[in-house]
Amino acid sequence: MNLSDNRALSTALPTAGRWGFGGHLYGLEPLALPAEPLARDSADDPRLFAEADPSAPDVPLPAYDAATGAELVPHDEGEVERLFWFRWITGHQTTFALWQVLSAVLDEGRQPGADVDGLSRIARCLVRTYSLMLLYASSPPQALYERVIRDPMARQHPNLSGSWARDYTGVRPLIRGKVSLGGEAAAADLAFECGLNERIHKGIAVRVVPSGVSLLLTPGVRQKTRELRRETLLWLYDGIFLTTRVPVPYATVVRQLLRRVHAIHLDVSANGLYPACAQNTAPEPAELSTDDVMDLKASFTSTLHELTILIGAPAPTPGRPPR
């Protein structure tokens, strides 16, 4: 599939620190991913950013334009809800694309002669960005989360579960500590990031669902899930997050990922991780207040910037030296 084959798919990368995502402020865009992760090979598109600006550097995270920051701050209840719905949907889409790239990195690390320490560094940044997306997507106060996110999700399916996320399969062994990548030091750094990710996941559950009762465990309706095939649940989950499965090339996966990273960067630059327009009166859970989690939150912009550098340049292909 060439980029021109699907005009509904936005792949142009931004070249200015202004909003250009979704057709309107905090709008949504469809995401197209392959059914299975592809090899980390950009030979089909040797310069990922040429379409946006042939003279632009290979770092597609433009500086935040503070002069336009006021436009990105919600001014009424409807805009606040749209902001958090954007965070929920786009944060998940970004995570799906991150998982695709991470799966490709892990697969490359299993190949003979692979630069396992270099790949481990990329994997660490991907996992760290995944942790940030968990925080970002789940940033509304608990009451807003119930009304704007949890209730609409329950209307889609009363037992909606993240276990239906198709792209997580390839990265689950790494996150759960079943596999490693890199030499001793690099593997230890990556393992730490995976452990932090698991703790953040648990802390978010405490933050947004204090009762501890997820949709999957909602009493009285759990048995309904068993009436649907596994593939149906995967398809349903994709549909909720505006994700479709088509044979797009790896470079297009990266383009879509970076396009979302840019929009998220603008949002957080203007509103912060926890926007003042919807202040949370409840204290932050202890799991999300440790020094390492606070350091992660403070690294939001620098981590996204590192990500664009690490995945933005095409991966070396056989017979062609790295640039």
C-alpha atoms as a PDB file:
ATOM      1  CA  MET A   1       0.000   0.000   0.000  1.00  0.00           C
ATOM      2  CA  ASN A   2       1.393   3.401  -1.015  1.00  0.00           C
ATOM      3  CA  LEU A   3       0.562   6.499   0.992  1.00  0.00           C
ATOM      4  CA  SER A   4      -1.580   7.725  -1.910  1.00  0.00           C
ATOM      5  CA  ASP A   5      -3.760   4.614  -1.784  1.00  0.00           C
ATOM      6  CA  ASN A   6      -5.663   5.812   1.269  1.00  0.00           C
ATOM      7  CA  ARG A   7      -6.522   9.497   1.351  1.00  0.00           C
ATOM      8  CA  ALA A   8      -8.177   9.127   4.760  1.00  0.00           C
ATOM      9  CA  LEU A   9      -4.792   8.455   6.343  1.00  0.00           C
ATOM     10  CA  SER A  10      -2.831  11.487   7.574  1.00  0.00           C
ATOM     11  CA  THR A  11       0.930  10.899   7.449  1.00  0.00           C
ATOM     12  CA  ALA A  12       2.419  14.363   6.863  1.00  0.00           C
ATOM     13  CA  LEU A  13       4.793  15.345   9.643  1.00  0.00           C
ATOM     14  CA  PRO A  14       4.576  18.806  11.221  1.00  0.00           C
ATOM     15  CA  THR A  15       7.210  21.463  10.711  1.00  0.00           C
ATOM     16  CA  ALA A  16       5.933  24.144  13.101  1.00  0.00           C
ATOM     17  CA  GLY A  17       4.852  24.308  16.714  1.00  0.00           C
ATOM     18  CA  ARG A  18       1.193  24.819  15.864  1.00  0.00           C
ATOM     19  CA  TRP A  19      -1.800  22.509  16.048  1.00  0.00           C
ATOM     20  CA  GLY A  20      -2.429  20.569  12.838  1.00  0.00           C
ATOM     21  CA  PHE A  21      -4.038  17.321  13.973  1.00  0.00           C
ATOM     22  CA  GLY A  22      -7.575  16.063  13.477  1.00  0.00           C
ATOM     23  CA  GLY A  23      -8.977  19.002  11.536  1.00  0.00           C
ATOM     24  CA  HIS A  24      -9.803  20.966  14.701  1.00  0.00           C
ATOM     25  CA  LEU A  25      -8.432  21.470  18.179  1.00  0.00           C
ATOM     26  CA  TYR A  26      -8.201  18.108  19.933  1.00  0.00           C
ATOM     27  CA  GLY A  27      -9.765  16.348  16.982  1.00  0.00           C
ATOM     28  CA  LEU A  28      -9.126  12.687  16.224  1.00  0.00           C
ATOM     29  CA  GLU A  29      -7.588  10.884  13.279  1.00  0.00           C
ATOM     30  CA  PRO A  30      -7.872   7.252  12.167  1.00  0.00           C
ATOM     31  CA  LEU A  31      -4.844   5.022  12.695  1.00  0.00           C
ATOM     32  CA  ALA A  32      -3.784   2.342  10.205  1.00  0.00           C
ATOM     33  CA  LEU A  33      -1.547  -0.487  11.389  1.00  0.00           C
ATOM     34  CA  PRO A  34      -0.547  -3.847   9.919  1.00  0.00           C
ATOM     35  CA  ALA A  35      -2.073  -6.920  11.499  1.00  0.00           C
ATOM     36  CA  GLU A  36       1.428  -8.081  12.487  1.00  0.00           C
ATOM     37  CA  PRO A  37       4.493  -5.933  13.309  1.00  0.00           C
ATOM     38  CA  LEU A  38       6.836  -5.319  10.401  1.00  0.00           C
ATOM     39  CA  ALA A  39      10.616  -5.397  10.256  1.00  0.00           C
ATOM     40  CA  ARG A  40      12.303  -2.147  11.280  1.00  0.00           C
ATOM     41  CA  ASP A  41      13.278  -1.299   7.714  1.00  0.00           C
ATOM     42  CA  SER A  42      12.568   2.026   6.031  1.00  0.00           C
ATOM     43  CA  ALA A  43      13.909   1.140   2.605  1.00  0.00           C
ATOM     44  CA  ASP A  44      10.472   1.886   1.101  1.00  0.00           C
ATOM     45  CA  ASP A  45      10.780   5.486   2.321  1.00  0.00           C
ATOM     46  CA  PRO A  46      14.463   6.351   2.806  1.00  0.00           C
ATOM     47  CA  ARG A  47      13.790   9.815   4.234  1.00  0.00           C
ATOM     48  CA  LEU A  48      10.770   9.714   6.490  1.00  0.00           C
ATOM     49  CA  PHE A  49      10.423  13.466   6.724  1.00  0.00           C
ATOM     50  CA  ALA A  50      10.991  14.516   3.146  1.00  0.00           C
ATOM     51  CA  GLU A  51       7.260  14.862   2.444  1.00  0.00           C
ATOM     52  CA  ALA A  52       6.867  17.381   5.255  1.00  0.00           C
ATOM     53  CA  ASP A  53       9.873  19.562   4.387  1.00  0.00           C
ATOM     54  CA  PRO A  54      12.891  18.373   2.368  1.00  0.00           C
ATOM     55  CA  SER A  55      15.143  20.813   4.218  1.00  0.00           C
ATOM     56  CA  ALA A  56      13.900  19.929   7.717  1.00  0.00           C
ATOM     57  CA  PRO A  57      16.253  18.110  10.109  1.00  0.00           C
ATOM     58  CA  ASP A  58      15.492  14.521  11.058  1.00  0.00           C
ATOM     59  CA  VAL A  59      13.945  15.604  14.370  1.00  0.00           C
ATOM     60  CA  PRO A  60      10.189  16.106  13.850  1.00  0.00           C
ATOM     61  CA  LEU A  61       9.384  17.609  17.255  1.00  0.00           C
ATOM     62  CA  PRO A  62       9.163  21.348  16.571  1.00  0.00           C
ATOM     63  CA  ALA A  63       9.583  23.795  19.413  1.00  0.00           C
ATOM     64  CA  TYR A  64       6.414  24.730  21.234  1.00  0.00           C
ATOM     65  CA  ASP A  65       5.129  28.108  20.083  1.00  0.00           C
ATOM     66  CA  ALA A  66       4.127  29.795  23.340  1.00  0.00           C
ATOM     67  CA  ALA A  67       2.318  32.532  21.408  1.00  0.00           C
ATOM     68  CA  THR A  68      -0.335  30.013  20.380  1.00  0.00           C
ATOM     69  CA  GLY A  69      -0.479  28.284  23.769  1.00  0.00           C
ATOM     70  CA  ALA A  70      -3.660  30.072  24.831  1.00  0.00           C
ATOM     71  CA  GLU A  71      -5.501  28.485  21.907  1.00  0.00           C
ATOM     72  CA  LEU A  72      -4.697  25.026  23.259  1.00  0.00           C
ATOM     73  CA  VAL A  73      -6.152  25.643  26.741  1.00  0.00           C
ATOM     74  CA  PRO A  74      -9.813  24.535  27.107  1.00  0.00           C
ATOM     75  CA  HIS A  75     -12.189  27.380  27.949  1.00  0.00           C
ATOM     76  CA  ASP A  76     -15.435  25.599  28.817  1.00  0.00           C
ATOM     77  CA  GLU A  77     -16.725  22.218  29.977  1.00  0.00           C
ATOM     78  CA  GLY A  78     -17.231  20.906  26.457  1.00  0.00           C
ATOM     79  CA  GLU A  79     -13.648  21.698  25.505  1.00  0.00           C
ATOM     80  CA  VAL A  80     -12.367  20.091  28.701  1.00  0.00           C
ATOM     81  CA  GLU A  81     -14.213  16.880  27.871  1.00  0.00           C
ATOM     82  CA  ARG A  82     -12.917  16.956  24.296  1.00  0.00           C
ATOM     83  CA  LEU A  83      -9.367  17.367  25.596  1.00  0.00           C
ATOM     84  CA  PHE A  84      -9.587  14.267  27.786  1.00  0.00           C
ATOM     85  CA  TRP A  85     -11.346  12.238  25.086  1.00  0.00           C
ATOM     86  CA  PHE A  86      -8.512  13.190  22.725  1.00  0.00           C
ATOM     87  CA  ARG A  87      -5.995  12.088  25.341  1.00  0.00           C
ATOM     88  CA  TRP A  88      -7.762   8.778  25.830  1.00  0.00           C
ATOM     89  CA  ILE A  89      -8.104   7.870  22.143  1.00  0.00           C
ATOM     90  CA  THR A  90      -4.853   9.371  20.836  1.00  0.00           C
ATOM     91  CA  GLY A  91      -2.864   8.155  23.833  1.00  0.00           C
ATOM     92  CA  HIS A  92      -4.026   4.615  23.091  1.00  0.00           C
ATOM     93  CA  GLN A  93      -3.321   4.961  19.361  1.00  0.00           C
ATOM     94  CA  THR A  94       0.174   6.171  20.168  1.00  0.00           C
ATOM     95  CA  THR A  95       0.654   3.169  22.441  1.00  0.00           C
ATOM     96  CA  PHE A  96      -0.441   0.741  19.719  1.00  0.00           C
ATOM     97  CA  ALA A  97       2.106   2.238  17.312  1.00  0.00           C
ATOM     98  CA  LEU A  98       4.794   2.187  20.032  1.00  0.00           C
ATOM     99  CA  TRP A  99       4.129  -1.507  20.580  1.00  0.00           C
ATOM    100  CA  GLN A 100       4.492  -2.140  16.840  1.00  0.00           C
ATOM    101  CA  VAL A 101       7.878  -0.433  16.757  1.00  0.00           C
ATOM    102  CA  LEU A 102       8.994  -2.091  19.999  1.00  0.00           C
ATOM    103  CA  SER A 103       8.047  -5.521  18.635  1.00  0.00           C
ATOM    104  CA  ALA A 104      10.155  -4.804  15.555  1.00  0.00           C
ATOM    105  CA  VAL A 105      13.101  -3.725  17.727  1.00  0.00           C
ATOM    106  CA  LEU A 106      12.870  -6.887  19.825  1.00  0.00           C
ATOM    107  CA  ASP A 107      12.714  -9.045  16.708  1.00  0.00           C
ATOM    108  CA  GLU A 108      15.761  -7.292  15.276  1.00  0.00           C
ATOM    109  CA  GLY A 109      17.592  -7.918  18.545  1.00  0.00           C
ATOM    110  CA  ARG A 110      17.172 -11.656  18.009  1.00  0.00           C
ATOM    111  CA  GLN A 111      18.970 -11.552  14.652  1.00  0.00           C
ATOM    112  CA  PRO A 112      22.648 -12.586  14.396  1.00  0.00           C
ATOM    113  CA  GLY A 113      25.062  -9.664  14.614  1.00  0.00           C
ATOM    114  CA  ALA A 114      22.465  -7.226  15.921  1.00  0.00           C
ATOM    115  CA  ASP A 115      23.596  -4.163  17.894  1.00  0.00           C
ATOM    116  CA  VAL A 116      21.782  -5.347  20.994  1.00  0.00           C
ATOM    117  CA  ASP A 117      22.910  -2.482  23.235  1.00  0.00           C
ATOM    118  CA  GLY A 118      21.794   0.102  20.690  1.00  0.00           C
ATOM    119  CA  LEU A 119      18.468  -1.658  20.238  1.00  0.00           C
ATOM    120  CA  SER A 120      18.088  -1.932  24.016  1.00  0.00           C
ATOM    121  CA  ARG A 121      18.444   1.853  24.280  1.00  0.00           C
ATOM    122  CA  ILE A 122      15.674   2.313  21.708  1.00  0.00           C
ATOM    123  CA  ALA A 123      13.510  -0.235  23.530  1.00  0.00           C
ATOM    124  CA  ARG A 124      14.058   1.560  26.830  1.00  0.00           C
ATOM    125  CA  CYS A 125      12.876   4.853  25.324  1.00  0.00           C
ATOM    126  CA  LEU A 126       9.850   3.142  23.778  1.00  0.00           C
ATOM    127  CA  VAL A 127       8.872   1.577  27.103  1.00  0.00           C
ATOM    128  CA  ARG A 128       9.395   4.895  28.873  1.00  0.00           C
ATOM    129  CA  THR A 129       7.159   6.624  26.334  1.00  0.00           C
ATOM    130  CA  TYR A 130       4.578   3.871  26.835  1.00  0.00           C
ATOM    131  CA  SER A 131       4.609   4.669  30.559  1.00  0.00           C
ATOM    132  CA  LEU A 132       4.058   8.340  29.754  1.00  0.00           C
ATOM    133  CA  MET A 133       1.121   7.420  27.510  1.00  0.00           C
ATOM    134  CA  LEU A 134      -0.439   5.503  30.406  1.00  0.00           C
ATOM    135  CA  LEU A 135      -0.195   8.636  32.546  1.00  0.00           C
ATOM    136  CA  TYR A 136      -1.342  10.887  29.715  1.00  0.00           C
ATOM    137  CA  ALA A 137      -4.412   8.892  28.673  1.00  0.00           C
ATOM    138  CA  SER A 138      -5.513   8.512  32.297  1.00  0.00           C
ATOM    139  CA  SER A 139      -4.897  12.107  33.382  1.00  0.00           C
ATOM    140  CA  PRO A 140      -8.480  13.318  34.072  1.00  0.00           C
ATOM    141  CA  PRO A 141      -9.742  13.533  37.659  1.00  0.00           C
ATOM    142  CA  GLN A 142     -11.713  10.498  38.793  1.00  0.00           C
ATOM    143  CA  ALA A 143     -15.180  12.071  38.354  1.00  0.00           C
ATOM    144  CA  LEU A 144     -14.325  13.226  34.828  1.00  0.00           C
ATOM    145  CA  TYR A 145     -12.839   9.843  34.027  1.00  0.00           C
ATOM    146  CA  GLU A 146     -16.087   8.154  35.046  1.00  0.00           C
ATOM    147  CA  ARG A 147     -18.271  10.453  32.946  1.00  0.00           C
ATOM    148  CA  VAL A 148     -16.123  11.083  29.886  1.00  0.00           C
ATOM    149  CA  ILE A 149     -14.224   7.799  29.514  1.00  0.00           C
ATOM    150  CA  ARG A 150     -15.402   4.883  31.631  1.00  0.00           C
ATOM    151  CA  ASP A 151     -19.135   5.267  30.932  1.00  0.00           C
ATOM    152  CA  PRO A 152     -18.718   5.572  27.122  1.00  0.00           C
ATOM    153  CA  MET A 153     -16.343   2.601  27.137  1.00  0.00           C
ATOM    154  CA  ALA A 154     -18.885   0.545  29.072  1.00  0.00           C
ATOM    155  CA  ARG A 155     -21.517   1.393  26.457  1.00  0.00           C
ATOM    156  CA  GLN A 156     -19.241  -0.098  23.809  1.00  0.00           C
ATOM    157  CA  HIS A 157     -18.861  -3.284  25.861  1.00  0.00           C
ATOM    158  CA  PRO A 158     -19.565  -3.738  29.594  1.00  0.00           C
ATOM    159  CA  ASN A 159     -16.388  -5.815  30.047  1.00  0.00           C
ATOM    160  CA  LEU A 160     -14.008  -3.849  27.832  1.00  0.00           C
ATOM    161  CA  SER A 161     -10.448  -4.956  28.583  1.00  0.00           C
ATOM    162  CA  GLY A 162      -6.958  -3.889  27.598  1.00  0.00           C
ATOM    163  CA  SER A 163      -6.212  -7.585  27.164  1.00  0.00           C
ATOM    164  CA  TRP A 164      -7.991  -7.250  23.803  1.00  0.00           C
ATOM    165  CA  ALA A 165      -5.222  -4.955  22.504  1.00  0.00           C
ATOM    166  CA  ARG A 166      -3.854  -6.773  19.467  1.00  0.00           C
ATOM    167  CA  ASP A 167      -0.380  -5.204  19.413  1.00  0.00           C
ATOM    168  CA  TYR A 168       0.537  -5.943  23.032  1.00  0.00           C
ATOM    169  CA  THR A 169       1.214  -9.619  22.319  1.00  0.00           C
ATOM    170  CA  GLY A 170       4.679  -8.969  20.912  1.00  0.00           C
ATOM    171  CA  VAL A 171       5.872  -6.867  23.861  1.00  0.00           C
ATOM    172  CA  ARG A 172       4.229  -8.635  26.795  1.00  0.00           C
ATOM    173  CA  PRO A 173       7.225 -10.966  27.491  1.00  0.00           C
ATOM    174  CA  LEU A 174       9.533  -7.954  27.756  1.00  0.00           C
ATOM    175  CA  ILE A 175       7.227  -5.914  30.011  1.00  0.00           C
ATOM    176  CA  ARG A 176       6.645  -8.937  32.241  1.00  0.00           C
ATOM    177  CA  GLY A 177      10.383  -9.615  32.581  1.00  0.00           C
ATOM    178  CA  LYS A 178      10.351 -12.868  30.607  1.00  0.00           C
ATOM    179  CA  VAL A 179      12.909 -11.721  28.027  1.00  0.00           C
ATOM    180  CA  SER A 180      15.779  -9.227  28.010  1.00  0.00           C
ATOM    181  CA  LEU A 181      17.757  -7.297  25.422  1.00  0.00           C
ATOM    182  CA  GLY A 182      21.340  -6.054  25.472  1.00  0.00           C
ATOM    183  CA  GLY A 183      24.414  -6.583  27.597  1.00  0.00           C
ATOM    184  CA  GLU A 184      24.241  -6.645  31.371  1.00  0.00           C
ATOM    185  CA  ALA A 185      24.071  -2.870  31.923  1.00  0.00           C
ATOM    186  CA  ALA A 186      21.724  -2.131  29.009  1.00  0.00           C
ATOM    187  CA  ALA A 187      19.449  -5.036  29.913  1.00  0.00           C
ATOM    188  CA  ALA A 188      19.289  -3.846  33.541  1.00  0.00           C
ATOM    189  CA  ASP A 189      18.284  -0.328  32.462  1.00  0.00           C
ATOM    190  CA  LEU A 190      15.570  -1.749  30.226  1.00  0.00           C
ATOM    191  CA  ALA A 191      14.328  -4.094  32.967  1.00  0.00           C
ATOM    192  CA  PHE A 192      14.055  -1.150  35.366  1.00  0.00           C
ATOM    193  CA  GLU A 193      11.923   0.735  32.832  1.00  0.00           C
ATOM    194  CA  CYS A 194       9.653  -2.290  32.415  1.00  0.00           C
ATOM    195  CA  GLY A 195       9.248  -2.619  36.195  1.00  0.00           C
ATOM    196  CA  LEU A 196       8.407   1.076  36.431  1.00  0.00           C
ATOM    197  CA  ASN A 197       5.808   0.617  33.705  1.00  0.00           C
ATOM    198  CA  GLU A 198       4.109  -2.158  35.688  1.00  0.00           C
ATOM    199  CA  ARG A 199       4.001   0.011  38.822  1.00  0.00           C
ATOM    200  CA  ILE A 200       2.550   2.931  36.891  1.00  0.00           C
ATOM    201  CA  HIS A 201      -0.136   0.683  35.456  1.00  0.00           C
ATOM    202  CA  LYS A 202      -1.191  -0.321  38.958  1.00  0.00           C
ATOM    203  CA  GLY A 203      -1.022   3.266  40.228  1.00  0.00           C
ATOM    204  CA  ILE A 204      -3.283   4.518  37.459  1.00  0.00           C
ATOM    205  CA  ALA A 205      -5.898   1.928  38.364  1.00  0.00           C
ATOM    206  CA  VAL A 206      -5.913   3.321  41.908  1.00  0.00           C
ATOM    207  CA  ARG A 207      -6.089   6.900  40.623  1.00  0.00           C
ATOM    208  CA  VAL A 208      -9.038   6.591  38.231  1.00  0.00           C
ATOM    209  CA  VAL A 209     -10.928   3.597  39.662  1.00  0.00           C
ATOM    210  CA  PRO A 210     -10.555   3.772  43.457  1.00  0.00           C
ATOM    211  CA  SER A 211     -13.096   0.952  43.844  1.00  0.00           C
ATOM    212  CA  GLY A 212     -10.678  -1.395  42.098  1.00  0.00           C
ATOM    213  CA  VAL A 213     -13.527  -2.846  39.994  1.00  0.00           C
ATOM    214  CA  SER A 214     -12.522  -2.712  36.328  1.00  0.00           C
ATOM    215  CA  LEU A 215     -15.000  -3.069  33.473  1.00  0.00           C
ATOM    216  CA  LEU A 216     -13.754  -6.612  32.960  1.00  0.00           C
ATOM    217  CA  LEU A 217     -14.677  -7.474  36.563  1.00  0.00           C
ATOM    218  CA  THR A 218     -18.022  -5.642  36.666  1.00  0.00           C
ATOM    219  CA  PRO A 219     -20.394  -7.967  38.559  1.00  0.00           C
ATOM    220  CA  GLY A 220     -23.193  -9.639  36.651  1.00  0.00           C
ATOM    221  CA  VAL A 221     -21.971  -9.132  33.085  1.00  0.00           C
ATOM    222  CA  ARG A 222     -18.585 -10.858  32.866  1.00  0.00           C
ATOM    223  CA  GLN A 223     -20.024 -13.954  31.230  1.00  0.00           C
ATOM    224  CA  LYS A 224     -21.120 -11.942  28.178  1.00  0.00           C
ATOM    225  CA  THR A 225     -17.525 -11.741  26.934  1.00  0.00           C
ATOM    226  CA  ARG A 226     -17.432 -15.517  26.461  1.00  0.00           C
ATOM    227  CA  GLU A 227     -20.124 -15.304  23.791  1.00  0.00           C
ATOM    228  CA  LEU A 228     -17.788 -13.479  21.386  1.00  0.00           C
ATOM    229  CA  ARG A 229     -14.826 -14.949  19.535  1.00  0.00           C
ATOM    230  CA  ARG A 230     -11.385 -13.680  20.468  1.00  0.00           C
ATOM    231  CA  GLU A 231     -10.919 -12.150  17.006  1.00  0.00           C
ATOM    232  CA  THR A 232     -14.219 -10.292  17.419  1.00  0.00           C
ATOM    233  CA  LEU A 233     -12.984  -8.740  20.671  1.00  0.00           C
ATOM    234  CA  LEU A 234      -9.718  -7.678  19.022  1.00  0.00           C
ATOM    235  CA  TRP A 235     -11.665  -6.084  16.179  1.00  0.00           C
ATOM    236  CA  LEU A 236     -14.031  -4.363  18.600  1.00  0.00           C
ATOM    237  CA  TYR A 237     -11.134  -2.929  20.594  1.00  0.00           C
ATOM    238  CA  ASP A 238      -9.471  -1.611  17.435  1.00  0.00           C
ATOM    239  CA  GLY A 239     -12.721   0.008  16.344  1.00  0.00           C
ATOM    240  CA  ILE A 240     -13.204   1.846  19.626  1.00  0.00           C
ATOM    241  CA  PHE A 241      -9.796   3.459  19.164  1.00  0.00           C
ATOM    242  CA  LEU A 242     -10.343   4.266  15.454  1.00  0.00           C
ATOM    243  CA  THR A 243      -7.722   1.744  14.403  1.00  0.00           C
ATOM    244  CA  THR A 244      -7.909  -0.320  11.238  1.00  0.00           C
ATOM    245  CA  ARG A 245      -5.658  -3.117   9.986  1.00  0.00           C
ATOM    246  CA  VAL A 246      -4.256  -2.653   6.497  1.00  0.00           C
ATOM    247  CA  PRO A 247      -0.866  -3.541   4.960  1.00  0.00           C
ATOM    248  CA  VAL A 248       0.856  -0.187   5.504  1.00  0.00           C
ATOM    249  CA  PRO A 249       4.681  -0.099   5.373  1.00  0.00           C
ATOM    250  CA  TYR A 250       6.815   0.329   8.469  1.00  0.00           C
ATOM    251  CA  ALA A 251       7.658   3.928   7.572  1.00  0.00           C
ATOM    252  CA  THR A 252       3.952   4.787   7.633  1.00  0.00           C
ATOM    253  CA  VAL A 253       3.619   3.317  11.121  1.00  0.00           C
ATOM    254  CA  VAL A 254       6.479   5.579  12.243  1.00  0.00           C
ATOM    255  CA  ARG A 255       4.986   8.626  10.533  1.00  0.00           C
ATOM    256  CA  GLN A 256       1.653   8.135  12.252  1.00  0.00           C
ATOM    257  CA  LEU A 257       3.375   7.623  15.593  1.00  0.00           C
ATOM    258  CA  LEU A 258       5.430  10.798  15.273  1.00  0.00           C
ATOM    259  CA  ARG A 259       2.411  12.803  14.097  1.00  0.00           C
ATOM    260  CA  ARG A 260       0.626  11.871  17.334  1.00  0.00           C
ATOM    261  CA  VAL A 261       3.718  12.498  19.452  1.00  0.00           C
ATOM    262  CA  HIS A 262       3.858  16.034  18.081  1.00  0.00           C
ATOM    263  CA  ALA A 263       0.197  16.740  18.931  1.00  0.00           C
ATOM    264  CA  ILE A 264       0.650  15.315  22.431  1.00  0.00           C
ATOM    265  CA  HIS A 265       3.789  17.409  22.899  1.00  0.00           C
ATOM    266  CA  LEU A 266       1.817  20.580  22.074  1.00  0.00           C
ATOM    267  CA  ASP A 267      -1.004  19.623  24.432  1.00  0.00           C
ATOM    268  CA  VAL A 268       1.261  18.884  27.400  1.00  0.00           C
ATOM    269  CA  SER A 269       3.350  21.988  26.718  1.00  0.00           C
ATOM    270  CA  ALA A 270       0.194  24.113  26.941  1.00  0.00           C
ATOM    271  CA  ASN A 271      -1.784  22.268  29.612  1.00  0.00           C
ATOM    272  CA  GLY A 272       0.653  20.149  31.585  1.00  0.00           C
ATOM    273  CA  LEU A 273       0.196  16.474  32.329  1.00  0.00           C
ATOM    274  CA  TYR A 274      -2.608  17.332  34.754  1.00  0.00           C
ATOM    275  CA  PRO A 275      -4.452  20.350  33.268  1.00  0.00           C
ATOM    276  CA  ALA A 276      -5.413  23.184  35.608  1.00  0.00           C
ATOM    277  CA  CYS A 277      -8.790  23.370  33.853  1.00  0.00           C
ATOM    278  CA  ALA A 278      -9.747  20.111  35.618  1.00  0.00           C
ATOM    279  CA  GLN A 279      -7.902  20.042  38.896  1.00  0.00           C
ATOM    280  CA  ASN A 280      -7.974  16.835  40.884  1.00  0.00           C
ATOM    281  CA  THR A 281      -8.994  17.310  44.522  1.00  0.00           C
ATOM    282  CA  ALA A 282      -7.937  13.768  45.476  1.00  0.00           C
ATOM    283  CA  PRO A 283      -4.295  13.185  46.441  1.00  0.00           C
ATOM    284  CA  GLU A 284      -2.068  11.433  43.939  1.00  0.00           C
ATOM    285  CA  PRO A 285      -1.742   7.713  44.802  1.00  0.00           C
ATOM    286  CA  ALA A 286       1.474   6.716  46.505  1.00  0.00           C
ATOM    287  CA  GLU A 287       2.329   4.504  43.519  1.00  0.00           C
ATOM    288  CA  LEU A 288       2.431   7.611  41.290  1.00  0.00           C
ATOM    289  CA  SER A 289       4.323   9.811  43.756  1.00  0.00           C
ATOM    290  CA  THR A 290       7.623   7.959  44.098  1.00  0.00           C
ATOM    291  CA  ASP A 291      10.829   9.707  43.029  1.00  0.00           C
ATOM    292  CA  ASP A 292      11.238   7.625  39.882  1.00  0.00           C
ATOM    293  CA  VAL A 293       7.672   8.283  38.739  1.00  0.00           C
ATOM    294  CA  MET A 294       8.060  11.994  39.452  1.00  0.00           C
ATOM    295  CA  ASP A 295      11.261  11.976  37.396  1.00  0.00           C
ATOM    296  CA  LEU A 296       9.377  10.265  34.570  1.00  0.00           C
ATOM    297  CA  LYS A 297       6.615  12.891  34.639  1.00  0.00           C
ATOM    298  CA  ALA A 298       9.214  15.673  34.555  1.00  0.00           C
ATOM    299  CA  SER A 299      10.872  14.057  31.526  1.00  0.00           C
ATOM    300  CA  PHE A 300       7.758  14.191  29.323  1.00  0.00           C
ATOM    301  CA  THR A 301       9.145  16.573  26.707  1.00  0.00           C
ATOM    302  CA  SER A 302      12.722  15.284  26.781  1.00  0.00           C
ATOM    303  CA  THR A 303      11.555  11.672  26.423  1.00  0.00           C
ATOM    304  CA  LEU A 304       9.380  12.512  23.411  1.00  0.00           C
ATOM    305  CA  HIS A 305      12.296  14.397  21.895  1.00  0.00           C
ATOM    306  CA  GLU A 306      14.611  11.419  22.418  1.00  0.00           C
ATOM    307  CA  LEU A 307      12.023   9.145  20.855  1.00  0.00           C
ATOM    308  CA  THR A 308      11.868  11.210  17.675  1.00  0.00           C
ATOM    309  CA  ILE A 309      15.643  11.032  17.351  1.00  0.00           C
ATOM    310  CA  LEU A 310      15.876   7.285  17.996  1.00  0.00           C
ATOM    311  CA  ILE A 311      13.079   6.149  15.677  1.00  0.00           C
ATOM    312  CA  GLY A 312      13.031   9.031  13.221  1.00  0.00           C
ATOM    313  CA  ALA A 313      16.065   8.036  11.185  1.00  0.00           C
ATOM    314  CA  PRO A 314      15.615   4.978   8.949  1.00  0.00           C
ATOM    315  CA  ALA A 315      17.036   1.724  10.243  1.00  0.00           C
ATOM    316  CA  PRO A 316      20.089   0.420   8.359  1.00  0.00           C
ATOM    317  CA  THR A 317      19.251  -2.104   5.678  1.00  0.00           C
ATOM    318  CA  PRO A 318      21.468  -5.035   4.654  1.00  0.00           C
ATOM    319  CA  GLY A 319      24.288  -3.854   2.417  1.00  0.00           C
ATOM    320  CA  ARG A 320      23.785  -0.195   3.272  1.00  0.00           C
ATOM    321  CA  PRO A 321      25.863   1.472   6.006  1.00  0.00           C
ATOM    322  CA  PRO A 322      24.105   3.562   8.686  1.00  0.00           C
ATOM    323  CA  ARG A 323      23.840   7.265   7.921  1.00  0.00           C
END
